[in-house]
Amino acid sequence: MNFINALETAFEENSNPENANAMAKYMRNHFSFFGIKTEERRKILKDIWKENRDEIAENPREIARKLYSKPQREFQYCAIEILIKQLKGKYKKDDIQLIEKLIITNSWWDSVDTIAKNILGEYLLEYPLETEKVIEHFSNSENMWLNRSAILFQLGYKGETNFDLLKSECEKHKNSNEFFIQKAIGWALREYGKTNPEAVRNFISQIHLKPLSKKEALKNIG
């Protein structure tokens, strides 16, 4: 694909080994990097996107899959950003298979959280009748990142948040010893607390959360 070839060439030309080492270290050496910082990476992507607009519009899913198969993390960030923009309002029902694949591939908080909020969350707004089935599947999975996504997908829903579902997810995972699950519970409750602080306070008073979850949940509402 012309787009992917052009993007790869641009990333190689703008690689920065010093930055790459620092970025890999920040991500606990789970991934390799070209060393291109966010602002510059997005500018490179934007310029090449303009030159290959039709190709991307016609093949966003295939492009995302191919980008995700490449080792450098910058490619995966681009894949996510392409899907966020290209699929909004245009999701297909079976896109949930792609979404799940992305969540469990090269998983870490930086990719999973963005996918949970901006892709999974958007998908379920377009297919609300799929919510119960999808979230049950993700929540019951042995994959911690799918569990985290089930807790976080309503970030940004504000008044549209299904608080009963959020409470159910928090209750289900409240005893988890996983740092990323404890943080997710706190984060999701804190965000909904911006819309309905009293409901969040009441819920926290009735449930025994891990200290980290409770601390995160009450950060802004006391």
Protein backbone atom coordinates (compact mmCIF):
# COMPACT_ATOMS: atom_id res chain seq x y z
CA MET A 1 0.00 0.00 0.00
CA ASN A 2 1.32 3.42 -0.95
CA PHE A 3 0.21 4.96 2.33
CA ILE A 4 2.01 2.45 4.55
CA ASN A 5 5.17 2.58 2.43
CA ALA A 6 5.20 6.38 2.57
CA LEU A 7 4.58 6.39 6.31
CA GLU A 8 7.35 3.88 6.95
CA THR A 9 9.82 5.90 4.87
CA ALA A 10 8.92 9.11 6.70
CA PHE A 11 9.26 7.49 10.10
CA GLU A 12 12.65 6.04 9.22
CA GLU A 13 13.85 9.42 7.97
CA ASN A 14 12.70 11.14 11.16
CA SER A 15 13.80 8.50 13.63
CA ASN A 16 15.65 9.61 16.74
CA PRO A 17 17.56 6.84 18.56
CA GLU A 18 17.93 8.87 21.75
CA ASN A 19 14.20 9.52 21.95
CA ALA A 20 13.49 5.93 20.97
CA ASN A 21 15.46 4.60 23.93
CA ALA A 22 13.71 6.96 26.34
CA MET A 23 10.27 6.12 24.96
CA ALA A 24 10.92 2.39 25.13
CA LYS A 25 12.10 2.74 28.72
CA TYR A 26 8.95 4.71 29.63
CA MET A 27 6.90 1.82 28.28
CA ARG A 28 9.00 -0.64 30.31
CA ASN A 29 10.66 -1.88 27.13
CA HIS A 30 7.53 -3.62 25.92
CA PHE A 31 7.85 -1.97 22.50
CA SER A 32 10.38 -0.54 20.10
CA PHE A 33 10.07 3.02 18.83
CA PHE A 34 11.35 5.23 16.04
CA GLY A 35 11.65 7.94 18.66
CA ILE A 36 9.16 10.31 17.07
CA LYS A 37 7.24 12.36 19.61
CA THR A 38 3.47 12.73 19.43
CA GLU A 39 3.21 16.16 17.82
CA GLU A 40 5.72 15.34 15.11
CA ARG A 41 4.23 11.89 14.51
CA ARG A 42 0.78 13.37 14.04
CA LYS A 43 2.09 15.97 11.62
CA ILE A 44 3.80 13.28 9.54
CA LEU A 45 0.63 11.19 9.58
CA LYS A 46 -1.53 14.16 8.61
CA ASP A 47 0.64 15.08 5.64
CA ILE A 48 0.80 11.53 4.28
CA TRP A 49 -2.88 11.00 5.01
CA LYS A 50 -3.72 13.96 2.75
CA GLU A 51 -1.72 12.42 -0.08
CA ASN A 52 -3.44 9.04 0.32
CA ARG A 53 -6.90 10.09 1.42
CA ASP A 54 -8.82 7.79 -0.93
CA GLU A 55 -6.74 4.72 -0.10
CA ILE A 56 -7.28 5.22 3.62
CA ALA A 57 -11.00 5.91 3.25
CA GLU A 58 -11.47 2.72 1.25
CA ASN A 59 -9.31 0.42 3.41
CA PRO A 60 -9.10 1.71 7.01
CA ARG A 61 -9.50 -1.70 8.65
CA GLU A 62 -6.92 -3.46 6.47
CA ILE A 63 -4.48 -0.57 6.88
CA ALA A 64 -4.93 -0.70 10.66
CA ARG A 65 -4.28 -4.44 10.73
CA LYS A 66 -1.09 -4.05 8.71
CA LEU A 67 0.14 -1.16 10.83
CA TYR A 68 -0.52 -3.19 13.97
CA SER A 69 1.63 -6.02 12.65
CA LYS A 70 4.70 -3.76 12.52
CA PRO A 71 7.02 -3.64 15.53
CA GLN A 72 7.41 0.09 16.15
CA ARG A 73 4.81 1.60 18.46
CA GLU A 74 4.31 4.68 16.30
CA PHE A 75 2.62 2.50 13.65
CA GLN A 76 0.10 1.25 16.20
CA TYR A 77 -0.70 4.78 17.33
CA CYS A 78 -1.39 5.70 13.71
CA ALA A 79 -3.63 2.67 13.23
CA ILE A 80 -5.74 3.69 16.21
CA GLU A 81 -6.02 7.31 15.06
CA ILE A 82 -7.07 6.21 11.57
CA LEU A 83 -9.82 3.98 12.92
CA ILE A 84 -11.09 6.64 15.32
CA LYS A 85 -11.57 9.09 12.46
CA GLN A 86 -12.56 6.78 9.61
CA LEU A 87 -15.01 4.52 11.43
CA LYS A 88 -16.91 7.07 13.52
CA GLY A 89 -20.53 6.82 12.42
CA LYS A 90 -19.61 4.04 9.99
CA TYR A 91 -19.00 1.00 12.17
CA LYS A 92 -20.08 -2.42 10.97
CA LYS A 93 -21.51 -4.89 13.43
CA ASP A 94 -18.65 -7.33 13.00
CA ASP A 95 -16.07 -4.62 13.73
CA ILE A 96 -16.18 -5.85 17.31
CA GLN A 97 -13.89 -8.67 16.20
CA LEU A 98 -11.29 -6.17 15.03
CA ILE A 99 -11.71 -4.09 18.18
CA GLU A 100 -11.12 -7.11 20.41
CA LYS A 101 -8.07 -8.11 18.35
CA LEU A 102 -6.54 -4.65 18.73
CA ILE A 103 -7.13 -4.61 22.48
CA ILE A 104 -5.37 -7.94 23.05
CA THR A 105 -2.51 -7.29 20.59
CA ASN A 106 0.58 -5.40 21.78
CA SER A 107 -1.45 -4.49 24.84
CA TRP A 108 -0.51 -1.72 27.21
CA TRP A 109 -2.38 1.16 28.81
CA ASP A 110 -1.49 3.67 26.08
CA SER A 111 -3.23 1.73 23.32
CA VAL A 112 -5.95 -0.03 25.30
CA ASP A 113 -7.31 3.07 26.99
CA THR A 114 -7.59 4.98 23.72
CA ILE A 115 -9.30 2.04 22.01
CA ALA A 116 -11.66 1.48 24.95
CA LYS A 117 -12.90 5.06 25.00
CA ASN A 118 -12.70 6.17 21.39
CA ILE A 119 -13.33 2.97 19.43
CA LEU A 120 -15.13 0.44 21.66
CA GLY A 121 -17.13 3.22 23.26
CA GLU A 122 -18.12 4.69 19.91
CA TYR A 123 -18.95 1.26 18.47
CA LEU A 124 -21.33 0.52 21.34
CA LEU A 125 -23.02 3.89 20.97
CA GLU A 126 -23.77 2.89 17.38
CA TYR A 127 -24.79 -0.65 18.37
CA PRO A 128 -26.30 -0.26 21.85
CA LEU A 129 -28.09 -3.60 21.66
CA GLU A 130 -24.67 -5.28 21.50
CA THR A 131 -23.50 -3.70 24.76
CA GLU A 132 -24.64 -6.39 27.17
CA LYS A 133 -23.20 -9.24 25.11
CA VAL A 134 -19.89 -7.50 24.35
CA ILE A 135 -19.26 -6.25 27.87
CA GLU A 136 -20.15 -9.60 29.42
CA HIS A 137 -17.69 -11.30 27.07
CA PHE A 138 -14.93 -8.78 27.78
CA SER A 139 -15.61 -8.73 31.51
CA ASN A 140 -15.52 -12.53 31.83
CA SER A 141 -12.35 -12.90 29.79
CA GLU A 142 -9.10 -14.02 31.35
CA ASN A 143 -7.45 -11.15 29.46
CA MET A 144 -6.97 -8.29 31.89
CA TRP A 145 -7.00 -5.68 29.10
CA LEU A 146 -10.45 -6.77 27.96
CA ASN A 147 -11.59 -6.52 31.59
CA ARG A 148 -10.16 -3.00 31.78
CA SER A 149 -11.89 -2.04 28.54
CA ALA A 150 -15.23 -3.26 29.89
CA ILE A 151 -14.81 -0.88 32.83
CA LEU A 152 -13.56 2.11 30.82
CA PHE A 153 -15.59 2.08 27.59
CA GLN A 154 -18.11 4.62 28.92
CA LEU A 155 -15.49 7.30 29.55
CA GLY A 156 -16.91 10.42 27.95
CA TYR A 157 -20.51 9.17 27.93
CA LYS A 158 -21.36 11.65 30.70
CA GLY A 159 -25.18 11.74 31.00
CA GLU A 160 -25.51 8.76 28.68
CA THR A 161 -23.54 6.56 31.09
CA ASN A 162 -25.29 3.35 32.10
CA PHE A 163 -24.37 3.69 35.75
CA ASP A 164 -25.97 0.37 36.69
CA LEU A 165 -23.63 -1.34 34.22
CA LEU A 166 -20.64 0.59 35.51
CA LYS A 167 -21.51 -0.32 39.09
CA SER A 168 -21.86 -3.95 38.09
CA GLU A 169 -18.40 -3.94 36.50
CA CYS A 170 -16.86 -2.27 39.54
CA GLU A 171 -18.54 -4.76 41.86
CA LYS A 172 -17.38 -7.66 39.73
CA HIS A 173 -13.73 -6.64 39.65
CA LYS A 174 -13.42 -4.84 42.98
CA ASN A 175 -11.24 -7.54 44.54
CA SER A 176 -8.77 -7.71 41.67
CA ASN A 177 -5.15 -7.36 42.66
CA GLU A 178 -4.28 -6.06 39.19
CA PHE A 179 -3.02 -2.48 39.36
CA PHE A 180 -4.56 -1.63 35.99
CA ILE A 181 -7.98 -2.93 37.06
CA GLN A 182 -7.93 -1.05 40.36
CA LYS A 183 -6.96 2.14 38.53
CA ALA A 184 -9.65 1.60 35.89
CA ILE A 185 -12.38 1.30 38.52
CA GLY A 186 -11.26 4.51 40.17
CA TRP A 187 -10.91 6.36 36.88
CA ALA A 188 -14.33 5.31 35.55
CA LEU A 189 -16.06 6.32 38.78
CA ARG A 190 -14.15 9.59 38.96
CA GLU A 191 -15.21 10.49 35.42
CA TYR A 192 -18.87 9.72 36.06
CA GLY A 193 -18.54 11.66 39.30
CA LYS A 194 -18.14 14.80 37.20
CA THR A 195 -21.71 14.22 35.98
CA ASN A 196 -23.29 12.73 39.09
CA PRO A 197 -21.02 13.11 42.14
CA GLU A 198 -23.70 12.19 44.66
CA ALA A 199 -24.44 8.88 42.95
CA VAL A 200 -20.75 8.01 42.92
CA ARG A 201 -20.29 8.97 46.58
CA ASN A 202 -23.28 6.86 47.59
CA PHE A 203 -22.04 3.88 45.61
CA ILE A 204 -18.54 4.10 47.10
CA SER A 205 -20.00 4.27 50.60
CA GLN A 206 -21.87 1.02 49.96
CA ILE A 207 -19.10 -1.02 48.36
CA HIS A 208 -15.74 -2.10 49.69
CA LEU A 209 -13.26 -0.98 47.05
CA LYS A 210 -9.52 -1.51 47.07
CA PRO A 211 -7.77 1.56 48.55
CA LEU A 212 -6.31 2.58 45.17
CA SER A 213 -9.71 2.39 43.45
CA LYS A 214 -11.38 4.41 46.20
CA LYS A 215 -8.63 7.03 46.23
CA GLU A 216 -8.83 7.49 42.46
CA ALA A 217 -12.64 7.61 42.47
CA LEU A 218 -12.83 10.30 45.12
CA LYS A 219 -10.06 12.57 43.82
CA ASN A 220 -12.39 15.30 42.60
CA ILE A 221 -15.49 14.80 44.73
CA GLY A 222 -14.16 14.14 48.21
